[in-house]
C-alpha cells in the first residue's frame, strides 16, 4: 500500500504519480489484473528514495540542533558559579 498520491507532498515522484493515475483511468479493469504493476513498482521505489532523502535531511537537522543545544548548555553551565 502506498501513501496518498498527492503531488504537492511528493514532488520527487510527481511524474510517476501522474503516469500511475493515468494508467488507472485508461485501464479501469486492467488495473486489477496487473496492467499498471510496473508503474506501481516504480512508484514504490521512488517513495523509498524520497523517504531516504527526507530521513537524511532530518538527521542532519537534528544533529545541528543537538550541537547547538550542547553549546547553549555549556555556556549556561559556565555562567553559573
PDB file of N, CA and C in Angstrom:
ATOM      1  N   UNK A   1       0.845  -1.172   0.000  1.00  0.00           N
ATOM      2  CA  UNK A   1       0.000   0.000   0.000  1.00  0.00           C
ATOM      3  C   UNK A   1       0.892   1.238   0.000  1.00  0.00           C
ATOM      4  N   UNK A   2       0.471   2.240  -0.683  1.00  0.00           N
ATOM      5  CA  UNK A   2       1.248   3.464  -0.788  1.00  0.00           C
ATOM      6  C   UNK A   2       0.544   4.607  -0.071  1.00  0.00           C
ATOM      7  N   UNK A   3       1.278   5.672   0.222  1.00  0.00           N
ATOM      8  CA  UNK A   3       0.655   6.834   0.855  1.00  0.00           C
ATOM      9  C   UNK A   3      -0.282   7.525  -0.136  1.00  0.00           C
ATOM     10  N   UNK A   4      -1.095   8.470   0.327  1.00  0.00           N
ATOM     11  CA  UNK A   4      -1.969   9.203  -0.593  1.00  0.00           C
ATOM     12  C   UNK A   4      -1.155   9.846  -1.722  1.00  0.00           C
ATOM     13  N   UNK A   5      -1.666   9.753  -2.921  1.00  0.00           N
ATOM     14  CA  UNK A   5      -0.938  10.215  -4.100  1.00  0.00           C
ATOM     15  C   UNK A   5      -1.206  11.690  -4.377  1.00  0.00           C
ATOM     16  N   UNK A   6      -0.768  12.534  -3.479  1.00  0.00           N
ATOM     17  CA  UNK A   6      -0.906  13.970  -3.684  1.00  0.00           C
ATOM     18  C   UNK A   6       0.418  14.504  -4.218  1.00  0.00           C
ATOM     19  N   UNK A   7       0.318  15.257  -5.291  1.00  0.00           N
ATOM     20  CA  UNK A   7       1.522  15.718  -5.972  1.00  0.00           C
ATOM     21  C   UNK A   7       2.340  16.695  -5.129  1.00  0.00           C
ATOM     22  N   UNK A   8       1.677  17.552  -4.364  1.00  0.00           N
ATOM     23  CA  UNK A   8       2.419  18.551  -3.587  1.00  0.00           C
ATOM     24  C   UNK A   8       3.195  17.932  -2.423  1.00  0.00           C
ATOM     25  N   UNK A   9       2.812  16.745  -1.979  1.00  0.00           N
ATOM     26  CA  UNK A   9       3.532  16.092  -0.882  1.00  0.00           C
ATOM     27  C   UNK A   9       4.686  15.227  -1.375  1.00  0.00           C
ATOM     28  N   UNK A  10       4.675  14.894  -2.661  1.00  0.00           N
ATOM     29  CA  UNK A  10       5.708  14.026  -3.226  1.00  0.00           C
ATOM     30  C   UNK A  10       6.254  14.632  -4.521  1.00  0.00           C
ATOM     31  N   UNK A  11       6.959  15.737  -4.410  1.00  0.00           N
ATOM     32  CA  UNK A  11       7.444  16.396  -5.637  1.00  0.00           C
ATOM     33  C   UNK A  11       8.452  15.566  -6.419  1.00  0.00           C
ATOM     34  N   UNK A  12       9.214  14.719  -5.746  1.00  0.00           N
ATOM     35  CA  UNK A  12      10.192  13.885  -6.446  1.00  0.00           C
ATOM     36  C   UNK A  12       9.520  12.840  -7.330  1.00  0.00           C
ATOM     37  N   UNK A  13       8.337  12.428  -6.953  1.00  0.00           N
ATOM     38  CA  UNK A  13       7.651  11.332  -7.644  1.00  0.00           C
ATOM     39  C   UNK A  13       6.446  11.811  -8.452  1.00  0.00           C
ATOM     40  N   UNK A  14       6.336  13.099  -8.694  1.00  0.00           N
ATOM     41  CA  UNK A  14       5.140  13.653  -9.331  1.00  0.00           C
ATOM     42  C   UNK A  14       4.879  13.057 -10.711  1.00  0.00           C
ATOM     43  N   UNK A  15       5.923  12.888 -11.496  1.00  0.00           N
ATOM     44  CA  UNK A  15       5.742  12.368 -12.859  1.00  0.00           C
ATOM     45  C   UNK A  15       5.225  10.929 -12.831  1.00  0.00           C
ATOM     46  N   UNK A  16       5.773  10.115 -11.955  1.00  0.00           N
ATOM     47  CA  UNK A  16       5.347   8.713 -11.867  1.00  0.00           C
ATOM     48  C   UNK A  16       3.927   8.630 -11.313  1.00  0.00           C
ATOM     49  N   UNK A  17       3.583   9.490 -10.377  1.00  0.00           N
ATOM     50  CA  UNK A  17       2.223   9.519  -9.827  1.00  0.00           C
ATOM     51  C   UNK A  17       1.224   9.821 -10.934  1.00  0.00           C
ATOM     52  N   UNK A  18       1.536  10.815 -11.755  1.00  0.00           N
ATOM     53  CA  UNK A  18       0.630  11.171 -12.846  1.00  0.00           C
ATOM     54  C   UNK A  18       0.473  10.012 -13.827  1.00  0.00           C
ATOM     55  N   UNK A  19       1.572   9.340 -14.159  1.00  0.00           N
ATOM     56  CA  UNK A  19       1.505   8.201 -15.070  1.00  0.00           C
ATOM     57  C   UNK A  19       0.675   7.070 -14.468  1.00  0.00           C
ATOM     58  N   UNK A  20       0.859   6.830 -13.180  1.00  0.00           N
ATOM     59  CA  UNK A  20       0.131   5.771 -12.489  1.00  0.00           C
ATOM     60  C   UNK A  20      -1.366   6.071 -12.461  1.00  0.00           C
ATOM     61  N   UNK A  21      -1.721   7.304 -12.142  1.00  0.00           N
ATOM     62  CA  UNK A  21      -3.129   7.681 -12.117  1.00  0.00           C
ATOM     63  C   UNK A  21      -3.743   7.608 -13.511  1.00  0.00           C
ATOM     64  N   UNK A  22      -2.978   8.001 -14.529  1.00  0.00           N
ATOM     65  CA  UNK A  22      -3.465   7.931 -15.900  1.00  0.00           C
ATOM     66  C   UNK A  22      -3.662   6.469 -16.319  1.00  0.00           C
ATOM     67  N   UNK A  23      -2.775   5.602 -15.906  1.00  0.00           N
ATOM     68  CA  UNK A  23      -2.910   4.179 -16.196  1.00  0.00           C
ATOM     69  C   UNK A  23      -4.204   3.632 -15.590  1.00  0.00           C
ATOM     70  N   UNK A  24      -4.523   4.045 -14.381  1.00  0.00           N
ATOM     71  CA  UNK A  24      -5.752   3.602 -13.732  1.00  0.00           C
ATOM     72  C   UNK A  24      -6.980   4.124 -14.471  1.00  0.00           C
ATOM     73  N   UNK A  25      -6.883   5.350 -14.994  1.00  0.00           N
ATOM     74  CA  UNK A  25      -8.010   5.902 -15.750  1.00  0.00           C
ATOM     75  C   UNK A  25      -8.161   5.206 -17.105  1.00  0.00           C
ATOM     76  N   UNK A  26      -7.041   4.910 -17.749  1.00  0.00           N
ATOM     77  CA  UNK A  26      -7.077   4.278 -19.068  1.00  0.00           C
ATOM     78  C   UNK A  26      -7.491   2.808 -19.005  1.00  0.00           C
ATOM     79  N   UNK A  27      -7.206   2.152 -17.900  1.00  0.00           N
ATOM     80  CA  UNK A  27      -7.472   0.717 -17.765  1.00  0.00           C
ATOM     81  C   UNK A  27      -8.256   0.452 -16.481  1.00  0.00           C
ATOM     82  N   UNK A  28      -9.559   0.810 -16.455  1.00  0.00           N
ATOM     83  CA  UNK A  28     -10.320   0.679 -15.199  1.00  0.00           C
ATOM     84  C   UNK A  28     -10.428  -0.755 -14.688  1.00  0.00           C
ATOM     85  N   UNK A  29     -10.417  -1.745 -15.572  1.00  0.00           N
ATOM     86  CA  UNK A  29     -10.476  -3.143 -15.121  1.00  0.00           C
ATOM     87  C   UNK A  29      -9.105  -3.801 -15.171  1.00  0.00           C
ATOM     88  N   UNK A  30      -8.280  -3.350 -16.088  1.00  0.00           N
ATOM     89  CA  UNK A  30      -6.941  -3.907 -16.215  1.00  0.00           C
ATOM     90  C   UNK A  30      -6.079  -3.654 -14.995  1.00  0.00           C
ATOM     91  N   UNK A  31      -6.373  -2.570 -14.281  1.00  0.00           N
ATOM     92  CA  UNK A  31      -5.588  -2.264 -13.080  1.00  0.00           C
ATOM     93  C   UNK A  31      -5.695  -3.373 -12.029  1.00  0.00           C
ATOM     94  N   UNK A  32      -6.805  -4.110 -12.066  1.00  0.00           N
ATOM     95  CA  UNK A  32      -6.983  -5.210 -11.113  1.00  0.00           C
ATOM     96  C   UNK A  32      -6.221  -6.468 -11.526  1.00  0.00           C
ATOM     97  N   UNK A  33      -5.795  -6.509 -12.794  1.00  0.00           N
ATOM     98  CA  UNK A  33      -5.133  -7.699 -13.313  1.00  0.00           C
ATOM     99  C   UNK A  33      -3.679  -7.437 -13.691  1.00  0.00           C
ATOM    100  N   UNK A  34      -3.074  -6.404 -13.122  1.00  0.00           N
ATOM    101  CA  UNK A  34      -1.649  -6.180 -13.281  1.00  0.00           C
ATOM    102  C   UNK A  34      -1.241  -5.276 -14.425  1.00  0.00           C
ATOM    103  N   UNK A  35      -2.164  -4.563 -15.015  1.00  0.00           N
ATOM    104  CA  UNK A  35      -1.832  -3.688 -16.139  1.00  0.00           C
ATOM    105  C   UNK A  35      -0.906  -2.541 -15.708  1.00  0.00           C
ATOM    106  N   UNK A  36      -1.048  -2.064 -14.499  1.00  0.00           N
ATOM    107  CA  UNK A  36      -0.267  -0.913 -14.016  1.00  0.00           C
ATOM    108  C   UNK A  36       0.802  -1.314 -13.004  1.00  0.00           C
ATOM    109  N   UNK A  37       1.114  -2.583 -12.925  1.00  0.00           N
ATOM    110  CA  UNK A  37       2.040  -3.082 -11.914  1.00  0.00           C
ATOM    111  C   UNK A  37       3.444  -2.497 -12.064  1.00  0.00           C
ATOM    112  N   UNK A  38       3.922  -2.354 -13.306  1.00  0.00           N
ATOM    113  CA  UNK A  38       5.270  -1.815 -13.493  1.00  0.00           C
ATOM    114  C   UNK A  38       5.375  -0.383 -12.982  1.00  0.00           C
ATOM    115  N   UNK A  39       4.321   0.402 -13.178  1.00  0.00           N
ATOM    116  CA  UNK A  39       4.316   1.770 -12.644  1.00  0.00           C
ATOM    117  C   UNK A  39       4.226   1.761 -11.123  1.00  0.00           C
ATOM    118  N   UNK A  40       3.496   0.818 -10.574  1.00  0.00           N
ATOM    119  CA  UNK A  40       3.384   0.696  -9.121  1.00  0.00           C
ATOM    120  C   UNK A  40       4.743   0.389  -8.502  1.00  0.00           C
ATOM    121  N   UNK A  41       5.509  -0.468  -9.153  1.00  0.00           N
ATOM    122  CA  UNK A  41       6.842  -0.809  -8.654  1.00  0.00           C
ATOM    123  C   UNK A  41       7.752   0.417  -8.719  1.00  0.00           C
ATOM    124  N   UNK A  42       7.695   1.159  -9.832  1.00  0.00           N
ATOM    125  CA  UNK A  42       8.480   2.396  -9.944  1.00  0.00           C
ATOM    126  C   UNK A  42       8.082   3.393  -8.863  1.00  0.00           C
ATOM    127  N   UNK A  43       6.778   3.489  -8.610  1.00  0.00           N
ATOM    128  CA  UNK A  43       6.277   4.423  -7.604  1.00  0.00           C
ATOM    129  C   UNK A  43       6.767   4.037  -6.214  1.00  0.00           C
ATOM    130  N   UNK A  44       6.733   2.761  -5.889  1.00  0.00           N
ATOM    131  CA  UNK A  44       7.218   2.303  -4.584  1.00  0.00           C
ATOM    132  C   UNK A  44       8.705   2.609  -4.412  1.00  0.00           C
ATOM    133  N   UNK A  45       9.489   2.376  -5.472  1.00  0.00           N
ATOM    134  CA  UNK A  45      10.921   2.686  -5.403  1.00  0.00           C
ATOM    135  C   UNK A  45      11.147   4.177  -5.210  1.00  0.00           C
ATOM    136  N   UNK A  46      10.379   4.978  -5.919  1.00  0.00           N
ATOM    137  CA  UNK A  46      10.525   6.425  -5.798  1.00  0.00           C
ATOM    138  C   UNK A  46      10.174   6.882  -4.375  1.00  0.00           C
ATOM    139  N   UNK A  47       9.111   6.325  -3.809  1.00  0.00           N
ATOM    140  CA  UNK A  47       8.739   6.682  -2.431  1.00  0.00           C
ATOM    141  C   UNK A  47       9.839   6.289  -1.450  1.00  0.00           C
ATOM    142  N   UNK A  48      10.483   5.133  -1.670  1.00  0.00           N
ATOM    143  CA  UNK A  48      11.578   4.724  -0.798  1.00  0.00           C
ATOM    144  C   UNK A  48      12.749   5.695  -0.893  1.00  0.00           C
ATOM    145  N   UNK A  49      13.087   6.093  -2.128  1.00  0.00           N
ATOM    146  CA  UNK A  49      14.185   7.043  -2.319  1.00  0.00           C
ATOM    147  C   UNK A  49      13.855   8.387  -1.678  1.00  0.00           C
ATOM    148  N   UNK A  50      12.618   8.833  -1.859  1.00  0.00           N
ATOM    149  CA  UNK A  50      12.190  10.102  -1.284  1.00  0.00           C
ATOM    150  C   UNK A  50      12.268  10.053   0.246  1.00  0.00           C
ATOM    151  N   UNK A  51      11.851   8.942   0.806  1.00  0.00           N
ATOM    152  CA  UNK A  51      11.898   8.789   2.261  1.00  0.00           C
ATOM    153  C   UNK A  51      13.333   8.802   2.771  1.00  0.00           C
ATOM    154  N   UNK A  52      14.237   8.162   2.034  1.00  0.00           N
ATOM    155  CA  UNK A  52      15.641   8.139   2.435  1.00  0.00           C
ATOM    156  C   UNK A  52      16.237   9.544   2.408  1.00  0.00           C
ATOM    157  N   UNK A  53      15.884  10.322   1.401  1.00  0.00           N
ATOM    158  CA  UNK A  53      16.373  11.707   1.306  1.00  0.00           C
ATOM    159  C   UNK A  53      15.845  12.526   2.482  1.00  0.00           C
ATOM    160  N   UNK A  54      14.564  12.386   2.780  1.00  0.00           N
ATOM    161  CA  UNK A  54      13.970  13.125   3.900  1.00  0.00           C
ATOM    162  C   UNK A  54      14.591  12.698   5.230  1.00  0.00           C
ATOM    163  N   UNK A  55      14.805  11.391   5.380  1.00  0.00           N
ATOM    164  CA  UNK A  55      15.392  10.875   6.618  1.00  0.00           C
ATOM    165  C   UNK A  55      16.790  11.449   6.833  1.00  0.00           C
ATOM    166  N   UNK A  56      17.580  11.504   5.765  1.00  0.00           N
ATOM    167  CA  UNK A  56      18.934  12.042   5.872  1.00  0.00           C
ATOM    168  C   UNK A  56      18.903  13.529   6.226  1.00  0.00           C
ATOM    169  N   UNK A  57      17.993  14.279   5.603  1.00  0.00           N
ATOM    170  CA  UNK A  57      17.879  15.708   5.900  1.00  0.00           C
ATOM    171  C   UNK A  57      17.448  15.932   7.346  1.00  0.00           C
ATOM    172  N   UNK A  58      16.508  15.130   7.827  1.00  0.00           N
ATOM    173  CA  UNK A  58      16.055  15.259   9.210  1.00  0.00           C
ATOM    174  C   UNK A  58      17.175  14.910  10.187  1.00  0.00           C
ATOM    175  N   UNK A  59      17.969  13.900   9.841  1.00  0.00           N
ATOM    176  CA  UNK A  59      19.080  13.511  10.703  1.00  0.00           C
ATOM    177  C   UNK A  59      20.103  14.639  10.800  1.00  0.00           C
ATOM    178  N   UNK A  60      20.437  15.254   9.669  1.00  0.00           N
ATOM    179  CA  UNK A  60      21.389  16.365   9.660  1.00  0.00           C
ATOM    180  C   UNK A  60      20.853  17.543  10.474  1.00  0.00           C
ATOM    181  N   UNK A  61      19.567  17.816  10.320  1.00  0.00           N
ATOM    182  CA  UNK A  61      18.956  18.920  11.068  1.00  0.00           C
ATOM    183  C   UNK A  61      18.985  18.641  12.568  1.00  0.00           C
ATOM    184  N   UNK A  62      18.694  17.408  12.965  1.00  0.00           N
ATOM    185  CA  UNK A  62      18.703  17.080  14.392  1.00  0.00           C
ATOM    186  C   UNK A  62      20.124  17.127  14.953  1.00  0.00           C
ATOM    187  N   UNK A  63      21.100  16.752  14.125  1.00  0.00           N
ATOM    188  CA  UNK A  63      22.495  16.816  14.554  1.00  0.00           C
ATOM    189  C   UNK A  63      22.904  18.258  14.854  1.00  0.00           C
ATOM    190  N   UNK A  64      22.513  19.174  13.973  1.00  0.00           N
ATOM    191  CA  UNK A  64      22.821  20.594  14.177  1.00  0.00           C
ATOM    192  C   UNK A  64      22.121  21.120  15.421  1.00  0.00           C
ATOM    193  N   UNK A  65      20.893  20.710  15.618  1.00  0.00           N
ATOM    194  CA  UNK A  65      20.137  21.159  16.782  1.00  0.00           C
ATOM    195  C   UNK A  65      20.772  20.649  18.074  1.00  0.00           C
ATOM    196  N   UNK A  66      21.225  19.397  18.086  1.00  0.00           N
ATOM    197  CA  UNK A  66      21.877  18.842  19.276  1.00  0.00           C
ATOM    198  C   UNK A  66      23.173  19.581  19.586  1.00  0.00           C
ATOM    199  N   UNK A  67      23.951  19.895  18.539  1.00  0.00           N
ATOM    200  CA  UNK A  67      25.194  20.641  18.749  1.00  0.00           C
ATOM    201  C   UNK A  67      24.898  22.021  19.324  1.00  0.00           C
ATOM    202  N   UNK A  68      23.886  22.663  18.783  1.00  0.00           N
ATOM    203  CA  UNK A  68      23.510  23.998  19.277  1.00  0.00           C
ATOM    204  C   UNK A  68      23.052  23.931  20.732  1.00  0.00           C
ATOM    205  N   UNK A  69      22.284  22.916  21.039  1.00  0.00           N
ATOM    206  CA  UNK A  69      21.801  22.740  22.414  1.00  0.00           C
ATOM    207  C   UNK A  69      22.960  22.482  23.369  1.00  0.00           C
ATOM    208  N   UNK A  70      23.942  21.708  22.954  1.00  0.00           N
ATOM    209  CA  UNK A  70      25.104  21.439  23.800  1.00  0.00           C
ATOM    210  C   UNK A  70      25.892  22.717  24.074  1.00  0.00           C
ATOM    211  N   UNK A  71      26.057  23.561  23.064  1.00  0.00           N
ATOM    212  CA  UNK A  71      26.796  24.813  23.280  1.00  0.00           C
ATOM    213  C   UNK A  71      26.026  25.734  24.222  1.00  0.00           C
ATOM    214  N   UNK A  72      24.726  25.768  24.085  1.00  0.00           N
ATOM    215  CA  UNK A  72      23.908  26.602  24.979  1.00  0.00           C
ATOM    216  C   UNK A  72      24.025  26.100  26.414  1.00  0.00           C
ATOM    217  N   UNK A  73      23.956  24.788  26.609  1.00  0.00           N
ATOM    218  CA  UNK A  73      24.078  24.217  27.953  1.00  0.00           C
ATOM    219  C   UNK A  73      25.463  24.466  28.532  1.00  0.00           C
ATOM    220  N   UNK A  74      26.477  24.360  27.690  1.00  0.00           N
ATOM    221  CA  UNK A  74      27.836  24.594  28.141  1.00  0.00           C
ATOM    222  C   UNK A  74      28.022  26.040  28.566  1.00  0.00           C
ATOM    223  N   UNK A  75      27.491  26.985  27.791  1.00  0.00           N
ATOM    224  CA  UNK A  75      27.567  28.398  28.141  1.00  0.00           C
ATOM    225  C   UNK A  75      26.806  28.692  29.427  1.00  0.00           C
ATOM    226  N   UNK A  76      25.651  28.066  29.585  1.00  0.00           N
ATOM    227  CA  UNK A  76      24.862  28.264  30.793  1.00  0.00           C
ATOM    228  C   UNK A  76      25.598  27.718  32.018  1.00  0.00           C
ATOM    229  N   UNK A  77      26.266  26.589  31.855  1.00  0.00           N
ATOM    230  CA  UNK A  77      26.994  25.988  32.971  1.00  0.00           C
ATOM    231  C   UNK A  77      28.206  26.851  33.358  1.00  0.00           C
ATOM    232  N   UNK A  78      28.821  27.510  32.391  1.00  0.00           N
ATOM    233  CA  UNK A  78      29.958  28.379  32.682  1.00  0.00           C
ATOM    234  C   UNK A  78      29.544  29.646  33.416  1.00  0.00           C
ATOM    235  N   UNK A  79      28.335  30.098  33.145  1.00  0.00           N
ATOM    236  CA  UNK A  79      27.821  31.311  33.817  1.00  0.00           C
ATOM    237  C   UNK A  79      27.458  31.059  35.266  1.00  0.00           C
ATOM    238  N   UNK A  80      27.087  29.837  35.575  1.00  0.00           N
ATOM    239  CA  UNK A  80      26.661  29.510  36.934  1.00  0.00           C
ATOM    240  C   UNK A  80      27.893  29.419  37.823  1.00  0.00           C
ATOM    241  N   UNK A  81      27.873  30.032  39.004  1.00  0.00           N
ATOM    242  CA  UNK A  81      29.025  29.975  39.902  1.00  0.00           C
ATOM    243  C   UNK A  81      29.155  28.661  40.621  1.00  0.00           C
TER     244      UNK A  81
END
